[in-house]
């Protein structure tokens, strides 16, 4: 979970805080809505240019991804992304920047 008042700087990472109203809650849930948990894959790298180009040229996400624990600051970005699969991945167009580097995120499932 990200620290209060902090979020990633990627396009997908910026979302308004929920104010308790029904419409604000729907906005906070992302384009597909619902769910309290997501299954994601992410790539953490110091510089995003080369990795993004590999993905856009057709390299599979799981070939680029390295295993490791996930960090909290990109939570908002993961809930804003639609669920996608390895055959047609949807990932953050602008990587989410954190103190650890840049995160390219793909959501595989939602509960």
C-alpha atoms as a PDB file:
ATOM      1  CA  UNK A   1       0.000   0.000   0.000  1.00  0.00           C
ATOM      2  CA  UNK A   2       1.452   3.404  -0.932  1.00  0.00           C
ATOM      3  CA  UNK A   3       2.177   6.003   1.732  1.00  0.00           C
ATOM      4  CA  UNK A   4      -0.622   8.520   2.223  1.00  0.00           C
ATOM      5  CA  UNK A   5      -0.440  11.356  -0.267  1.00  0.00           C
ATOM      6  CA  UNK A   6       2.040   9.554  -2.545  1.00  0.00           C
ATOM      7  CA  UNK A   7       1.485   8.012  -5.949  1.00  0.00           C
ATOM      8  CA  UNK A   8       3.491   7.027  -9.011  1.00  0.00           C
ATOM      9  CA  UNK A   9       4.080   9.606 -11.716  1.00  0.00           C
ATOM     10  CA  UNK A  10       2.998   7.451 -14.691  1.00  0.00           C
ATOM     11  CA  UNK A  11      -0.142   8.233 -16.700  1.00  0.00           C
ATOM     12  CA  UNK A  12      -2.069   5.395 -15.140  1.00  0.00           C
ATOM     13  CA  UNK A  13      -0.770   6.028 -11.631  1.00  0.00           C
ATOM     14  CA  UNK A  14      -2.564   9.357 -11.034  1.00  0.00           C
ATOM     15  CA  UNK A  15      -6.095   8.909  -9.650  1.00  0.00           C
ATOM     16  CA  UNK A  16      -8.193  11.078  -7.349  1.00  0.00           C
ATOM     17  CA  UNK A  17      -8.858   9.980  -3.778  1.00  0.00           C
ATOM     18  CA  UNK A  18     -12.287   8.511  -3.078  1.00  0.00           C
ATOM     19  CA  UNK A  19     -14.517  10.892  -1.155  1.00  0.00           C
ATOM     20  CA  UNK A  20     -17.029   8.286  -0.044  1.00  0.00           C
ATOM     21  CA  UNK A  21     -19.573   9.005  -2.783  1.00  0.00           C
ATOM     22  CA  UNK A  22     -20.658   6.206  -5.099  1.00  0.00           C
ATOM     23  CA  UNK A  23     -19.224   7.869  -8.219  1.00  0.00           C
ATOM     24  CA  UNK A  24     -15.878   8.536  -6.522  1.00  0.00           C
ATOM     25  CA  UNK A  25     -15.710   4.893  -5.420  1.00  0.00           C
ATOM     26  CA  UNK A  26     -16.359   3.713  -8.997  1.00  0.00           C
ATOM     27  CA  UNK A  27     -13.592   5.990 -10.304  1.00  0.00           C
ATOM     28  CA  UNK A  28     -11.141   4.613  -7.734  1.00  0.00           C
ATOM     29  CA  UNK A  29     -11.875   1.049  -8.895  1.00  0.00           C
ATOM     30  CA  UNK A  30     -10.472   1.635 -12.384  1.00  0.00           C
ATOM     31  CA  UNK A  31     -11.934   1.038 -15.842  1.00  0.00           C
ATOM     32  CA  UNK A  32     -13.084  -2.534 -15.152  1.00  0.00           C
ATOM     33  CA  UNK A  33     -14.412  -1.748 -11.628  1.00  0.00           C
ATOM     34  CA  UNK A  34     -14.723  -4.001  -8.614  1.00  0.00           C
ATOM     35  CA  UNK A  35     -12.239  -5.987  -6.662  1.00  0.00           C
ATOM     36  CA  UNK A  36     -10.065  -5.566  -3.625  1.00  0.00           C
ATOM     37  CA  UNK A  37      -7.072  -7.535  -4.902  1.00  0.00           C
ATOM     38  CA  UNK A  38      -5.245  -7.804  -8.205  1.00  0.00           C
ATOM     39  CA  UNK A  39      -2.774 -10.313  -9.613  1.00  0.00           C
ATOM     40  CA  UNK A  40      -0.087  -8.360 -11.421  1.00  0.00           C
ATOM     41  CA  UNK A  41       3.196  -8.817 -13.201  1.00  0.00           C
ATOM     42  CA  UNK A  42       5.612  -5.955 -13.137  1.00  0.00           C
ATOM     43  CA  UNK A  43       9.047  -5.074 -14.334  1.00  0.00           C
ATOM     44  CA  UNK A  44      11.247  -2.888 -12.138  1.00  0.00           C
ATOM     45  CA  UNK A  45      14.098  -1.178 -13.919  1.00  0.00           C
ATOM     46  CA  UNK A  46      16.259   1.890 -13.462  1.00  0.00           C
ATOM     47  CA  UNK A  47      15.639   3.071 -17.024  1.00  0.00           C
ATOM     48  CA  UNK A  48      12.484   2.197 -18.931  1.00  0.00           C
ATOM     49  CA  UNK A  49      13.301   2.925 -22.596  1.00  0.00           C
ATOM     50  CA  UNK A  50      14.886  -0.395 -23.569  1.00  0.00           C
ATOM     51  CA  UNK A  51      12.339  -2.568 -21.746  1.00  0.00           C
ATOM     52  CA  UNK A  52       9.369  -0.658 -23.189  1.00  0.00           C
ATOM     53  CA  UNK A  53      10.773  -1.041 -26.704  1.00  0.00           C
ATOM     54  CA  UNK A  54      11.229  -4.808 -26.213  1.00  0.00           C
ATOM     55  CA  UNK A  55       7.584  -5.161 -25.115  1.00  0.00           C
ATOM     56  CA  UNK A  56       6.270  -3.034 -27.976  1.00  0.00           C
ATOM     57  CA  UNK A  57       8.311  -5.053 -30.480  1.00  0.00           C
ATOM     58  CA  UNK A  58       6.533  -8.240 -29.417  1.00  0.00           C
ATOM     59  CA  UNK A  59       8.686  -9.766 -26.683  1.00  0.00           C
ATOM     60  CA  UNK A  60       6.473 -11.565 -24.148  1.00  0.00           C
ATOM     61  CA  UNK A  61       6.045  -9.882 -20.769  1.00  0.00           C
ATOM     62  CA  UNK A  62       7.144 -12.985 -18.844  1.00  0.00           C
ATOM     63  CA  UNK A  63      10.387 -13.092 -20.858  1.00  0.00           C
ATOM     64  CA  UNK A  64      11.253  -9.561 -19.736  1.00  0.00           C
ATOM     65  CA  UNK A  65       9.960  -9.794 -16.168  1.00  0.00           C
ATOM     66  CA  UNK A  66      12.237 -10.676 -13.271  1.00  0.00           C
ATOM     67  CA  UNK A  67      10.909 -12.347 -10.144  1.00  0.00           C
ATOM     68  CA  UNK A  68      10.908 -10.564  -6.805  1.00  0.00           C
ATOM     69  CA  UNK A  69       8.627  -8.897  -4.355  1.00  0.00           C
ATOM     70  CA  UNK A  70       6.293  -6.158  -5.378  1.00  0.00           C
ATOM     71  CA  UNK A  71       6.557  -2.683  -3.867  1.00  0.00           C
ATOM     72  CA  UNK A  72       3.577  -0.643  -2.686  1.00  0.00           C
ATOM     73  CA  UNK A  73       3.767   2.747  -4.447  1.00  0.00           C
ATOM     74  CA  UNK A  74       2.232   1.507  -7.697  1.00  0.00           C
ATOM     75  CA  UNK A  75      -1.051   0.257  -6.160  1.00  0.00           C
ATOM     76  CA  UNK A  76      -3.151   2.981  -7.805  1.00  0.00           C
ATOM     77  CA  UNK A  77      -1.759   2.128 -11.232  1.00  0.00           C
ATOM     78  CA  UNK A  78      -2.584  -1.569 -10.846  1.00  0.00           C
ATOM     79  CA  UNK A  79      -6.222  -0.864  -9.986  1.00  0.00           C
ATOM     80  CA  UNK A  80      -6.544   1.544 -12.934  1.00  0.00           C
ATOM     81  CA  UNK A  81      -5.433  -1.057 -15.505  1.00  0.00           C
ATOM     82  CA  UNK A  82      -7.796  -3.557 -17.153  1.00  0.00           C
ATOM     83  CA  UNK A  83      -7.153  -7.291 -16.790  1.00  0.00           C
ATOM     84  CA  UNK A  84      -5.137  -8.689 -19.708  1.00  0.00           C
ATOM     85  CA  UNK A  85      -3.320 -11.869 -20.697  1.00  0.00           C
ATOM     86  CA  UNK A  86       0.069 -12.877 -21.995  1.00  0.00           C
ATOM     87  CA  UNK A  87      -1.242 -13.144 -25.563  1.00  0.00           C
ATOM     88  CA  UNK A  88      -2.402  -9.482 -25.647  1.00  0.00           C
ATOM     89  CA  UNK A  89      -0.884  -7.696 -22.648  1.00  0.00           C
ATOM     90  CA  UNK A  90      -2.047  -4.253 -21.543  1.00  0.00           C
ATOM     91  CA  UNK A  91       0.646  -2.573 -19.488  1.00  0.00           C
ATOM     92  CA  UNK A  92       1.308   0.932 -18.192  1.00  0.00           C
ATOM     93  CA  UNK A  93       2.075   3.044 -21.249  1.00  0.00           C
ATOM     94  CA  UNK A  94       4.163   5.419 -19.158  1.00  0.00           C
ATOM     95  CA  UNK A  95       6.046   3.470 -16.499  1.00  0.00           C
ATOM     96  CA  UNK A  96       5.222   4.372 -12.889  1.00  0.00           C
ATOM     97  CA  UNK A  97       8.270   5.963 -11.230  1.00  0.00           C
ATOM     98  CA  UNK A  98       9.051   5.180  -7.600  1.00  0.00           C
ATOM     99  CA  UNK A  99      12.147   5.569  -5.456  1.00  0.00           C
ATOM    100  CA  UNK A 100      13.135   2.063  -6.611  1.00  0.00           C
ATOM    101  CA  UNK A 101      13.022   2.846 -10.336  1.00  0.00           C
ATOM    102  CA  UNK A 102      10.373   2.566 -13.046  1.00  0.00           C
ATOM    103  CA  UNK A 103       7.571  -0.029 -12.906  1.00  0.00           C
ATOM    104  CA  UNK A 104       5.937  -1.397 -16.043  1.00  0.00           C
ATOM    105  CA  UNK A 105       2.797  -3.111 -14.752  1.00  0.00           C
ATOM    106  CA  UNK A 106       0.347  -5.640 -16.227  1.00  0.00           C
ATOM    107  CA  UNK A 107      -2.780  -6.892 -14.385  1.00  0.00           C
ATOM    108  CA  UNK A 108      -3.533 -10.607 -14.872  1.00  0.00           C
ATOM    109  CA  UNK A 109      -6.553 -10.980 -12.605  1.00  0.00           C
ATOM    110  CA  UNK A 110      -8.842  -9.248 -10.138  1.00  0.00           C
ATOM    111  CA  UNK A 111     -10.772 -10.531  -7.095  1.00  0.00           C
END
